[in-house]
Protein backbone atom coordinates (compact mmCIF):
# COMPACT_ATOMS: atom_id res chain seq x y z
CA UNK A 1 107.13 -21.56 152.93
CA UNK A 2 109.44 -21.13 155.65
CA UNK A 3 108.64 -18.19 158.50
CA UNK A 4 111.13 -15.28 158.62
CA UNK A 5 111.74 -12.53 161.10
CA UNK A 6 114.81 -9.84 161.15
CA UNK A 7 117.99 -9.12 162.32
CA UNK A 8 121.36 -11.15 162.29
CA UNK A 9 121.82 -14.05 164.66
CA UNK A 10 125.29 -14.62 165.52
CA UNK A 11 127.39 -18.14 165.46
CA UNK A 12 127.80 -17.82 169.21
CA UNK A 13 124.09 -17.52 169.76
CA UNK A 14 123.23 -20.49 167.50
CA UNK A 15 125.90 -22.81 169.80
CA UNK A 16 123.98 -21.54 172.74
CA UNK A 17 120.73 -22.34 171.41
CA UNK A 18 121.90 -26.01 170.42
CA UNK A 19 123.33 -26.44 173.85
CA UNK A 20 120.28 -25.16 176.17
CA UNK A 21 117.78 -27.52 173.60
CA UNK A 22 119.29 -30.72 173.52
CA UNK A 23 117.96 -33.22 174.00
CA UNK A 24 114.59 -32.58 172.50
CA UNK A 25 111.48 -32.51 174.97
CA UNK A 26 108.12 -33.41 173.40
CA UNK A 27 106.10 -30.35 173.34
CA UNK A 28 101.96 -30.07 173.30
CA UNK A 29 102.07 -26.63 172.18
CA UNK A 30 104.42 -23.76 171.42
CA UNK A 31 106.88 -22.72 174.13
CA UNK A 32 108.26 -18.87 173.60
CA UNK A 33 111.26 -17.64 175.25
CA UNK A 34 111.55 -13.76 174.64
CA UNK A 35 115.53 -13.49 174.51
CA UNK A 36 114.89 -9.24 173.78
CA UNK A 37 111.96 -7.18 174.71
CA UNK A 38 112.20 -3.33 173.88
CA UNK A 39 111.38 -0.81 176.18
CA UNK A 40 108.42 0.20 174.66
CA UNK A 41 105.57 -1.49 172.49
CA UNK A 42 103.68 0.87 170.80
CA UNK A 43 101.88 -1.89 169.02
CA UNK A 44 101.64 -5.57 169.22
CA UNK A 45 100.52 -7.86 166.57
CA UNK A 46 96.86 -8.83 166.31
CA UNK A 47 95.03 -11.41 163.87
CA UNK A 48 94.77 -10.05 160.37
CA UNK A 49 97.94 -7.84 160.85
CA UNK A 50 100.61 -7.71 158.23
CA UNK A 51 104.48 -8.29 159.44
CA UNK A 52 107.41 -8.17 158.31
CA UNK A 53 110.30 -10.42 160.35
CA UNK A 54 113.51 -12.01 160.07
CA UNK A 55 113.97 -15.58 161.19
CA UNK A 56 116.64 -18.65 161.31
CA UNK A 57 115.02 -22.29 161.54
CA UNK A 58 116.93 -24.59 163.53
CA UNK A 59 116.29 -28.34 164.92
CA UNK A 60 116.52 -28.91 168.75
CA UNK A 61 120.18 -30.31 167.78
CA UNK A 62 121.15 -26.56 166.24
CA UNK A 63 121.00 -27.50 162.91
CA UNK A 64 119.98 -24.56 160.65
CA UNK A 65 117.36 -25.75 157.76
CA UNK A 66 116.36 -22.49 156.78
CA UNK A 67 117.03 -18.66 157.08
CA UNK A 68 115.62 -15.36 156.09
CA UNK A 69 118.87 -13.58 156.39
CA UNK A 70 120.53 -15.72 153.73
CA UNK A 71 118.18 -14.63 151.42
CA UNK A 72 118.81 -11.18 152.37
CA UNK A 73 115.05 -10.34 152.44
CA UNK A 74 112.51 -10.41 155.62
CA UNK A 75 109.60 -13.04 155.49
CA UNK A 76 106.61 -10.79 154.94
CA UNK A 77 103.19 -12.22 155.36
CA UNK A 78 99.75 -11.67 157.08
CA UNK A 79 99.29 -13.20 160.49
CA UNK A 80 96.14 -15.39 161.28
CA UNK A 81 95.23 -16.41 157.90
CA UNK A 82 96.42 -19.54 157.16
CA UNK A 83 99.66 -18.37 155.02
CA UNK A 84 101.85 -19.62 157.81
CA UNK A 85 102.21 -23.38 160.16
CA UNK A 86 99.77 -22.75 162.76
CA UNK A 87 102.59 -22.70 165.30
CA UNK A 88 103.95 -19.52 164.02
CA UNK A 89 100.51 -17.98 163.09
CA UNK A 90 100.28 -18.42 166.80
CA UNK A 91 103.69 -17.17 168.37
CA UNK A 92 103.46 -13.72 166.17
CA UNK A 93 100.29 -12.68 167.76
CA UNK A 94 101.30 -10.18 170.45
CA UNK A 95 104.86 -9.57 169.64
CA UNK A 96 105.99 -6.17 169.55
CA UNK A 97 108.67 -4.59 166.57
CA UNK A 98 112.02 -5.42 167.72
CA UNK A 99 111.20 -7.99 169.91
CA UNK A 100 113.21 -11.18 169.44
CA UNK A 101 111.90 -14.49 170.29
CA UNK A 102 112.93 -18.21 170.67
CA UNK A 103 109.59 -20.01 169.42
CA UNK A 104 109.54 -23.89 170.05
CA UNK A 105 106.84 -25.41 167.66
CA UNK A 106 105.76 -29.14 168.13
CA UNK A 107 104.93 -30.97 164.76
CA UNK A 108 101.29 -30.90 165.26
CA UNK A 109 101.52 -26.95 165.02
CA UNK A 110 104.31 -27.37 162.30
CA UNK A 111 104.90 -29.88 159.01
CA UNK A 112 103.09 -33.19 161.46
CA UNK A 113 103.55 -36.52 160.43
CA UNK A 114 104.44 -35.79 156.64
CA UNK A 115 107.26 -33.09 157.01
CA UNK A 116 108.31 -30.77 154.36
CA UNK A 117 110.08 -32.50 151.74
CA UNK A 118 113.77 -33.39 152.13
CA UNK A 119 113.95 -30.15 154.18
CA UNK A 120 111.72 -31.13 157.43
CA UNK A 121 111.51 -34.74 158.38
CA UNK A 122 108.16 -36.25 159.63
CA UNK A 123 107.05 -35.54 163.27
CA UNK A 124 109.94 -32.74 163.51
CA UNK A 125 109.97 -29.99 166.54
CA UNK A 126 111.19 -26.98 165.10
CA UNK A 127 112.83 -23.93 166.59
CA UNK A 128 112.71 -20.58 164.95
CA UNK A 129 114.86 -17.57 166.22
CA UNK A 130 112.68 -14.78 165.16
CA UNK A 131 112.98 -10.90 165.32
CA UNK A 132 110.05 -8.75 164.30
CA UNK A 133 110.87 -5.82 162.28
CA UNK A 134 107.33 -4.41 161.11
CA UNK A 135 103.60 -4.66 161.39
CA UNK A 136 100.85 -2.73 159.72
CA UNK A 137 96.71 -3.56 159.12
CA UNK A 138 95.03 -2.91 156.01
CA UNK A 139 92.71 -0.55 157.93
CA UNK A 140 95.64 1.55 159.22
CA UNK A 141 95.90 5.05 158.08
CA UNK A 142 98.62 7.88 159.02
CA UNK A 143 98.77 7.77 162.46
CA UNK A 144 100.48 11.23 163.95
CA UNK A 145 102.14 12.06 167.12
CA UNK A 146 102.90 15.50 167.84
CA UNK A 147 105.53 15.79 170.88
CA UNK A 148 106.20 19.65 170.63
CA UNK A 149 103.63 22.37 169.88
CA UNK A 150 104.85 25.99 169.83
CA UNK A 151 103.23 28.46 172.19
CA UNK A 152 101.66 30.10 169.02
CA UNK A 153 100.32 29.13 166.17
CA UNK A 154 99.19 32.04 163.97
CA UNK A 155 98.75 29.69 160.96
CA UNK A 156 98.77 25.58 159.93
CA UNK A 157 99.50 23.85 156.69
CA UNK A 158 96.56 23.31 154.39
CA UNK A 159 96.41 21.99 150.82
CA UNK A 160 98.53 23.59 148.27
CA UNK A 161 100.85 25.23 150.82
CA UNK A 162 104.57 25.28 150.45
CA UNK A 163 106.46 23.87 153.27
CA UNK A 164 110.27 23.70 154.37
CA UNK A 165 110.64 20.92 156.89
CA UNK A 166 113.66 18.67 158.01
CA UNK A 167 113.03 15.02 158.86
CA UNK A 168 114.56 12.03 159.68
CA UNK A 169 112.74 8.65 158.35
CA UNK A 170 113.21 5.58 159.65
CA UNK A 171 111.31 1.75 158.90
CA UNK A 172 109.34 0.72 162.25
CA UNK A 173 112.30 -0.86 163.95
CA UNK A 174 114.46 2.36 163.75
CA UNK A 175 116.69 1.65 160.86
CA UNK A 176 117.62 4.93 159.25
CA UNK A 177 116.88 5.47 155.52
CA UNK A 178 117.03 8.87 154.94
CA UNK A 179 117.34 12.81 156.69
CA UNK A 180 117.49 15.90 155.41
CA UNK A 181 119.62 17.10 158.67
CA UNK A 182 122.71 15.02 156.93
CA UNK A 183 122.12 16.68 153.73
CA UNK A 184 121.95 19.99 155.47
CA UNK A 185 119.04 21.18 153.64
CA UNK A 186 115.40 21.01 154.10
CA UNK A 187 113.02 19.19 152.26
CA UNK A 188 111.16 21.89 150.16
CA UNK A 189 107.47 20.96 148.60
CA UNK A 190 103.95 21.55 148.27
CA UNK A 191 101.56 19.85 150.20
CA UNK A 192 98.19 17.88 149.14
CA UNK A 193 98.81 18.02 145.62
CA UNK A 194 100.63 14.78 145.01
CA UNK A 195 104.52 15.50 145.18
CA UNK A 196 104.94 13.49 148.32
CA UNK A 197 104.22 10.05 149.22
CA UNK A 198 99.98 9.78 150.31
CA UNK A 199 101.19 9.72 154.13
CA UNK A 200 103.33 12.25 154.13
CA UNK A 201 100.96 14.65 152.30
CA UNK A 202 98.49 13.81 154.93
CA UNK A 203 100.71 13.82 158.07
CA UNK A 204 102.18 17.60 157.20
CA UNK A 205 98.53 19.06 157.39
CA UNK A 206 97.54 20.64 160.29
CA UNK A 207 101.20 21.67 161.33
CA UNK A 208 102.77 24.81 162.97
CA UNK A 209 105.84 26.59 162.31
CA UNK A 210 108.68 24.93 164.84
CA UNK A 211 105.86 22.03 165.55
CA UNK A 212 107.40 18.57 165.99
CA UNK A 213 105.38 15.35 165.02
CA UNK A 214 106.06 11.83 164.45
CA UNK A 215 104.05 10.71 161.10
CA UNK A 216 104.11 7.06 160.97
CA UNK A 217 102.22 5.51 157.56
CA UNK A 218 101.75 2.11 155.91
CA UNK A 219 103.26 1.10 152.79
CA UNK A 220 99.99 1.65 151.11
CA UNK A 221 100.48 5.26 151.90
CA UNK A 222 104.12 4.94 151.43
CA UNK A 223 106.17 3.00 148.81
CA UNK A 224 104.00 0.04 148.47
CA UNK A 225 104.75 -3.53 147.45
CA UNK A 226 107.81 -2.60 145.84
CA UNK A 227 109.83 0.12 148.28
CA UNK A 228 111.70 2.44 146.58
CA UNK A 229 114.11 -0.34 145.20
CA UNK A 230 117.22 1.17 147.41
CA UNK A 231 116.85 1.68 151.23
CA UNK A 232 113.07 1.50 151.70
CA UNK A 233 111.96 -2.69 151.51
CA UNK A 234 108.66 -3.20 150.23
CA UNK A 235 105.73 -3.54 152.11
CA UNK A 236 107.62 -1.04 155.16
CA UNK A 237 105.84 0.86 157.23
CA UNK A 238 107.71 4.41 157.36
CA UNK A 239 108.31 6.80 159.88
CA UNK A 240 108.90 10.25 159.58
CA UNK A 241 110.39 12.57 162.50
CA UNK A 242 109.46 16.10 161.17
CA UNK A 243 110.06 19.70 162.33
CA UNK A 244 108.30 22.35 160.24
CA UNK A 245 110.75 25.28 159.47
CA UNK A 246 108.55 27.12 157.01
CA UNK A 247 105.36 27.70 155.43
CA UNK A 248 103.64 30.06 152.80
CA UNK A 249 101.38 29.79 150.10
CA UNK A 250 101.90 31.41 146.55
CA UNK A 251 98.63 33.74 147.04
CA UNK A 252 100.40 34.99 150.10
CA UNK A 253 100.91 39.03 150.29
CA UNK A 254 103.01 40.93 152.55
CA UNK A 255 101.78 40.57 156.69
CA UNK A 256 102.18 43.40 158.67
CA UNK A 257 101.71 42.42 162.58
CA UNK A 258 103.00 43.62 165.93
CA UNK A 259 102.53 47.33 165.25
CA UNK A 260 103.63 49.70 167.53
CA UNK A 261 102.75 53.20 167.25
CA UNK A 262 103.47 56.56 168.93
CA UNK A 263 100.81 58.61 169.94
CA UNK A 264 101.64 61.29 167.58
CA UNK A 265 102.23 60.80 163.75
CA UNK A 266 101.67 63.54 161.39
CA UNK A 267 102.92 62.06 158.36
CA UNK A 268 103.13 58.09 156.90
CA UNK A 269 105.64 56.97 154.48
CA UNK A 270 104.99 57.60 150.50
CA UNK A 271 106.61 55.74 147.75
CA UNK A 272 109.61 58.28 146.92
CA UNK A 273 110.27 58.61 150.38
CA UNK A 274 114.02 58.18 151.62
CA UNK A 275 113.78 55.93 154.64
CA UNK A 276 116.23 55.14 157.71
CA UNK A 277 115.35 52.11 159.91
CA UNK A 278 116.53 49.68 162.21
CA UNK A 279 115.73 45.47 161.42
CA UNK A 280 116.48 42.02 162.59
CA UNK A 281 115.82 39.96 160.07
CA UNK A 282 114.94 35.99 160.82
CA UNK A 283 113.49 33.07 158.94
CA UNK A 284 109.97 31.94 160.07
CA UNK A 285 111.64 29.64 162.31
CA UNK A 286 113.11 32.10 164.24
CA UNK A 287 116.82 31.40 162.75
CA UNK A 288 118.59 34.76 162.48
CA UNK A 289 120.13 35.82 159.31
CA UNK A 290 120.95 39.81 159.59
CA UNK A 291 120.49 42.73 161.45
CA UNK A 292 121.54 46.40 161.45
CA UNK A 293 121.87 46.87 164.87
CA UNK A 294 124.84 44.45 164.70
CA UNK A 295 126.43 46.85 162.16
CA UNK A 296 125.74 49.72 164.68
CA UNK A 297 124.24 51.64 161.29
CA UNK A 298 120.50 52.04 159.75
CA UNK A 299 119.36 50.74 156.66
CA UNK A 300 118.85 53.99 154.57
CA UNK A 301 116.99 53.66 151.22
CA UNK A 302 114.11 54.87 149.16
CA UNK A 303 110.95 52.83 149.33
CA UNK A 304 108.39 51.91 146.42
CA UNK A 305 111.63 52.39 143.94
CA UNK A 306 112.76 48.86 143.70
CA UNK A 307 115.89 49.46 146.04
CA UNK A 308 114.91 46.70 148.33
CA UNK A 309 113.01 43.43 147.77
CA UNK A 310 109.51 43.65 146.77
CA UNK A 311 108.06 42.55 150.15
CA UNK A 312 110.04 45.31 152.34
CA UNK A 313 109.35 47.97 149.49
CA UNK A 314 105.64 47.06 150.39
CA UNK A 315 105.89 46.75 154.09
CA UNK A 316 107.68 49.80 154.50
CA UNK A 317 104.54 52.02 152.96
CA UNK A 318 102.76 53.66 155.42
CA UNK A 319 104.76 54.04 158.61
CA UNK A 320 105.10 56.48 160.94
CA UNK A 321 108.55 57.59 162.79
CA UNK A 322 109.49 55.61 165.70
CA UNK A 323 106.70 53.02 164.46
CA UNK A 324 107.59 49.48 165.24
CA UNK A 325 106.33 46.56 163.08
CA UNK A 326 106.86 43.13 162.18
CA UNK A 327 106.63 42.33 158.40
CA UNK A 328 106.36 38.62 157.01
CA UNK A 329 107.27 38.47 153.49
CA UNK A 330 106.47 35.29 151.34
CA UNK A 331 109.88 34.02 148.94
CA UNK A 332 108.27 35.27 145.88
CA UNK A 333 108.69 38.68 147.26
CA UNK A 334 111.61 38.39 149.02
CA UNK A 335 114.77 35.81 147.39
CA UNK A 336 112.64 33.14 145.56
CA UNK A 337 113.81 29.50 144.99
CA UNK A 338 117.65 30.66 144.79
CA UNK A 339 117.77 32.55 148.04
CA UNK A 340 120.95 34.24 149.17
CA UNK A 341 123.49 31.09 149.50
CA UNK A 342 124.50 30.82 152.94
CA UNK A 343 122.20 33.13 155.19
CA UNK A 344 118.89 32.87 153.27
CA UNK A 345 117.80 29.36 151.94
CA UNK A 346 115.43 29.13 148.48
CA UNK A 347 111.75 29.79 149.35
CA UNK A 348 112.21 30.89 152.71
CA UNK A 349 109.44 33.03 154.44
CA UNK A 350 111.46 36.28 155.52
CA UNK A 351 110.26 38.18 158.84
CA UNK A 352 111.54 41.63 159.69
CA UNK A 353 110.71 43.35 163.05
CA UNK A 354 111.79 47.05 161.73
CA UNK A 355 111.98 50.16 163.78
CA UNK A 356 111.24 53.29 161.84
CA UNK A 357 113.80 56.03 162.61
CA UNK A 358 113.13 58.71 160.29
CA UNK A 359 112.21 59.22 156.77
CA UNK A 360 111.85 62.35 154.29
CA UNK A 361 111.21 63.16 150.70
CA UNK A 362 113.80 64.83 148.67
CA UNK A 363 111.27 67.46 147.89
CA UNK A 364 110.61 68.33 151.82
CA UNK A 365 111.39 71.91 152.76
CA UNK A 366 112.15 72.71 156.36
CA UNK A 367 109.05 72.76 158.52
CA UNK A 368 108.43 75.17 160.78
CA UNK A 369 106.33 74.61 164.46
CA UNK A 370 105.85 78.00 166.28
CA UNK A 371 105.60 76.78 169.77
CA UNK A 372 105.53 80.42 171.08
CA UNK A 373 105.22 83.71 169.95
CA UNK A 374 105.09 86.99 172.15
CA UNK A 375 102.27 89.14 172.19
CA UNK A 376 104.35 92.30 170.62
CA UNK A 377 106.47 91.21 167.98
CA UNK A 378 107.22 94.54 165.93
CA UNK A 379 110.70 93.19 164.66
CA UNK A 380 111.50 90.13 163.04
CA UNK A 381 114.42 88.91 161.70
CA UNK A 382 115.53 88.94 157.81
CA UNK A 383 118.44 88.01 155.46
CA UNK A 384 121.61 89.90 156.93
CA UNK A 385 120.93 90.40 160.56
CA UNK A 386 122.84 89.57 163.33
CA UNK A 387 121.10 87.50 165.76
CA UNK A 388 121.41 85.38 168.71
CA UNK A 389 119.48 82.17 170.01
CA UNK A 390 119.48 79.05 171.75
CA UNK A 391 118.69 75.62 170.30
CA UNK A 392 118.40 71.84 171.46
CA UNK A 393 119.32 69.31 168.86
CA UNK A 394 118.10 65.84 168.34
CA UNK A 395 117.66 63.33 165.95
CA UNK A 396 113.99 62.23 165.04
CA UNK A 397 114.35 59.11 167.43
CA UNK A 398 115.25 61.57 170.00
CA UNK A 399 119.02 61.21 170.22
CA UNK A 400 120.60 64.42 171.43
CA UNK A 401 122.89 65.79 168.84
CA UNK A 402 124.01 69.35 170.36
CA UNK A 403 122.64 72.04 172.79
CA UNK A 404 123.64 75.72 173.29
CA UNK A 405 122.38 75.43 177.11
CA UNK A 406 125.36 72.93 177.51
CA UNK A 407 127.48 75.71 176.55
CA UNK A 408 126.03 78.26 178.88
CA UNK A 409 126.04 80.70 175.95
CA UNK A 410 124.09 81.74 172.54
CA UNK A 411 124.38 80.57 169.15
CA UNK A 412 125.30 83.84 167.33
CA UNK A 413 125.17 83.96 163.08
CA UNK A 414 124.45 86.19 160.23
CA UNK A 415 121.15 84.89 158.63
CA UNK A 416 121.89 84.45 154.74
CA UNK A 417 125.69 84.37 155.34
CA UNK A 418 125.80 80.27 155.26
CA UNK A 419 127.01 80.11 158.50
CA UNK A 420 124.38 77.27 159.44
CA UNK A 421 122.78 74.62 157.39
CA UNK A 422 120.38 75.76 154.67
CA UNK A 423 117.29 74.36 156.72
CA UNK A 424 117.97 76.17 159.61
CA UNK A 425 118.38 79.69 157.92
CA UNK A 426 115.04 79.31 156.45
CA UNK A 427 113.73 78.19 159.67
CA UNK A 428 115.24 81.33 161.54
CA UNK A 429 113.55 84.08 159.39
CA UNK A 430 110.78 86.23 160.15
CA UNK A 431 111.47 85.21 163.88
CA UNK A 432 110.27 87.59 166.89
CA UNK A 433 112.80 88.19 169.72
CA UNK A 434 111.34 85.73 172.50
CA UNK A 435 109.72 83.27 170.07
CA UNK A 436 110.20 79.57 170.35
CA UNK A 437 110.07 77.53 167.04
CA UNK A 438 110.27 73.43 166.12
CA UNK A 439 112.20 73.21 162.87
CA UNK A 440 112.20 69.90 161.45
CA UNK A 441 114.88 69.91 158.59
CA UNK A 442 115.60 67.18 156.13
CA UNK A 443 119.14 65.92 155.45
CA UNK A 444 119.42 67.56 152.20
CA UNK A 445 119.06 71.00 153.79
CA UNK A 446 121.16 69.70 157.25
CA UNK A 447 124.30 67.72 156.70
CA UNK A 448 123.40 65.26 153.57
CA UNK A 449 124.04 62.00 152.85
CA UNK A 450 127.24 62.22 155.03
CA UNK A 451 126.36 63.74 158.03
CA UNK A 452 128.79 64.90 160.67
CA UNK A 453 131.12 61.89 162.08
CA UNK A 454 130.14 60.51 165.29
CA UNK A 455 127.55 63.02 165.64
CA UNK A 456 124.84 62.92 163.14
CA UNK A 457 124.21 59.96 160.69
CA UNK A 458 124.23 60.16 157.18
CA UNK A 459 120.68 61.16 155.66
CA UNK A 460 119.15 61.97 159.39
CA UNK A 461 116.19 64.39 159.24
CA UNK A 462 116.71 67.02 162.15
CA UNK A 463 114.74 68.35 164.95
CA UNK A 464 115.35 71.67 166.40
CA UNK A 465 113.95 73.62 169.21
CA UNK A 466 114.93 77.14 168.85
CA UNK A 467 114.43 80.35 171.02
CA UNK A 468 115.66 83.58 169.31
CA UNK A 469 117.23 85.62 171.86
CA UNK A 470 118.54 89.23 170.13
CA UNK A 471 118.65 90.47 166.75
CA UNK A 472 120.84 93.01 165.68
CA UNK A 473 119.89 94.78 162.19
CA UNK A 474 121.88 93.38 159.24
CA UNK A 475 122.94 95.70 156.54
CA UNK A 476 121.17 95.99 152.92
CA UNK A 477 122.48 93.33 150.97
CA UNK A 478 125.73 93.68 149.25
CA UNK A 479 126.90 96.56 151.68
CA UNK A 480 129.67 95.86 154.42
CA UNK A 481 129.62 99.69 155.85
CA UNK A 482 126.98 102.26 155.74
CA UNK A 483 126.56 105.76 156.98
CA UNK A 484 123.77 106.55 159.59
CA UNK A 485 123.61 110.41 158.70
CA UNK A 486 124.82 111.90 155.50
CA UNK A 487 127.73 110.91 153.36
CA UNK A 488 130.42 113.67 154.83
CA UNK A 489 131.42 116.23 151.99
CA UNK A 490 135.39 115.86 150.82
CA UNK A 491 135.55 112.22 152.14
CA UNK A 492 138.55 111.64 150.20
CA UNK A 493 140.46 114.34 151.41
CA UNK A 494 139.43 113.64 155.17
CA UNK A 495 140.94 110.20 154.82
CA UNK A 496 144.10 111.39 153.18
CA UNK A 497 145.96 112.48 156.61
CA UNK A 498 149.60 113.40 155.07
CA UNK A 499 147.77 114.94 152.03
CA UNK A 500 149.93 113.26 149.44
CA UNK A 501 147.09 112.20 147.17
CA UNK A 502 147.17 108.59 148.20
CA UNK A 503 145.33 106.82 151.06
CA UNK A 504 147.12 104.01 152.81
CA UNK A 505 145.46 101.20 154.33
CA UNK A 506 146.00 102.25 157.79
CA UNK A 507 144.71 105.42 156.99
CA UNK A 508 141.89 103.73 155.38
CA UNK A 509 141.18 101.84 158.43
CA UNK A 510 141.98 104.20 161.46
CA UNK A 511 139.03 106.71 159.65
CA UNK A 512 136.37 103.82 158.93
CA UNK A 513 136.78 102.78 162.63
CA UNK A 514 136.80 106.13 163.94
CA UNK A 515 133.44 107.02 162.12
CA UNK A 516 131.93 103.70 163.59
CA UNK A 517 133.22 104.55 167.11
CA UNK A 518 131.59 107.77 166.66
CA UNK A 519 128.06 106.31 165.72
CA UNK A 520 128.18 108.07 162.21
CA UNK A 521 128.83 104.68 160.41
CA UNK A 522 127.95 101.11 160.60
CA UNK A 523 129.83 98.24 159.70
CA UNK A 524 127.79 94.90 158.99
CA UNK A 525 127.38 93.07 162.49
CA UNK A 526 128.52 89.50 163.09
CA UNK A 527 131.77 89.84 161.15
CA UNK A 528 135.20 91.08 162.43
CA UNK A 529 135.77 94.72 161.68
CA UNK A 530 139.00 94.74 159.97
CA UNK A 531 138.35 91.74 157.65
CA UNK A 532 135.15 93.87 156.45
CA UNK A 533 138.01 96.97 156.26
CA UNK A 534 140.29 95.06 154.60
CA UNK A 535 137.58 93.78 152.04
CA UNK A 536 136.23 97.64 151.68
CA UNK A 537 140.08 98.75 150.74
CA UNK A 538 140.45 96.13 148.25
CA UNK A 539 137.35 96.87 146.08
CA UNK A 540 138.38 100.50 146.06
CA UNK A 541 142.12 99.55 145.08
CA UNK A 542 141.26 98.70 141.75
CA UNK A 543 144.51 98.54 140.43
CA UNK A 544 146.03 96.58 143.27
CA UNK A 545 148.71 98.29 144.00
CA UNK A 546 148.25 99.05 147.64
CA UNK A 547 146.87 102.25 147.86
CA UNK A 548 143.85 104.05 146.95
CA UNK A 549 143.93 107.47 144.48
CA UNK A 550 140.96 109.95 144.29
CA UNK A 551 140.52 108.41 140.97
CA UNK A 552 139.81 105.04 142.21
CA UNK A 553 137.82 105.74 145.03
CA UNK A 554 133.89 105.81 144.48
CA UNK A 555 130.98 105.49 146.56
CA UNK A 556 128.21 102.91 145.93
CA UNK A 557 124.52 104.19 146.13
CA UNK A 558 121.70 102.34 148.14
CA UNK A 559 118.63 103.39 146.79
CA UNK A 560 119.89 106.86 147.13
CA UNK A 561 119.59 106.67 150.93
CA UNK A 562 122.84 105.29 152.14
CA UNK A 563 126.03 105.02 150.36
CA UNK A 564 128.93 102.63 151.20
CA UNK A 565 132.92 102.71 150.63
């Protein structure tokens, strides 16, 4: 066989070689002129190595007698095992991949006095332009060169793990044969179970997320003697520049880390609770894919009911209000093999940094905590009472909502008249003047799913610190006016000032206001007096003709103790 090497030799270079090497000079030993030396030489050829190289064989006058380029294939052979002429066996030792040399071989180290048929005449000096492309040894294994290690590595690739990684695949001379980057898609596979070539199966073991390494393998651990039939020639060493992006095992469950739990945690989320939380979502390599913060709105949902991916359903159980945690979810508990398209690739592990803002259960009631109660408490609030109180209102994360102290006056309502949210009414019942309470009000007893625009988010739990300042007794339920003493006799006649047998609205209003001013009667507190009187008149004007007759006029009994018009 005639020797070979890798690379294409230009016509101008052939002419140069012919000019520089004529006339021929007798040689005692090989003569090597290095025409190109790579900057780095990771490995030099040794006796016993297997090499792949291209060559052009010429006589000293520049006439070509053989070329591997013409055959479209490198010359592949073991060095130092008498598979080559002695001069080439000797010349290849010490060469580096991508090194190019002009090797001059005297006849006694080539084909000697016999020559080689009609191709090589006797006593011929031979010149070979050699380009070394590949070198490996049967004893070689996978070589790993890690050139970037992430600062933290909580987990490394093990057998049966599923990985997602990017790679550039080259031959030993740097020729690119494949790249996941050009396809803009990671290579996703199991490790150590035969889904990969043996060298890659070994080369990926022990990698951390974010780690970068060069994995070099001999053909016995790559594509062997035949290559891949396309871009990888037979007997080729392979070099993979790999970055690991993702790692999980089918046995993995949800992992919760980086928990920051507030000092006070009276309650933790349970299945069926409704939660409001903020999150940043990223892939395992840190690639961001979504955030509630960017939308300036919490994510609001039920937990444990399948409203979110299974891993999040699980990861949000047992969380305190105000807690921060990192929830890592394997793909089989997230978006599976398909992913979500552009943002979340298939088989991706997801990492959510979660901040629990608040949560409640649809069965919750107003939670009342008395923070101060005066020693004397003879009178307590009840339905119908007119009360004055101060409050500070916030969300559970401390965001201020409203405060009477900022207005410098109390908030005044009639209990039971639906003038405040139901949770506040419940929380203000049976309270003493001077008493202070903390009220925790679920959204269905506060501002509901809609909230208050630009003030209270939808489905928000509210926290109120309240202090009762004043109580004015209300009237019995269903009454708008009561007499403080006995009902005057001849009540209709007293109202009918002009004695025409009919009570006009003005007569009715003047009479009621006179009784109130003289302390003989009392209107329901907290309401507009004239609106109450208008309502009372309408109740008595049963035929709606704008006047009350004696037949229409009736009293309403209140357990025989009070009467109302």
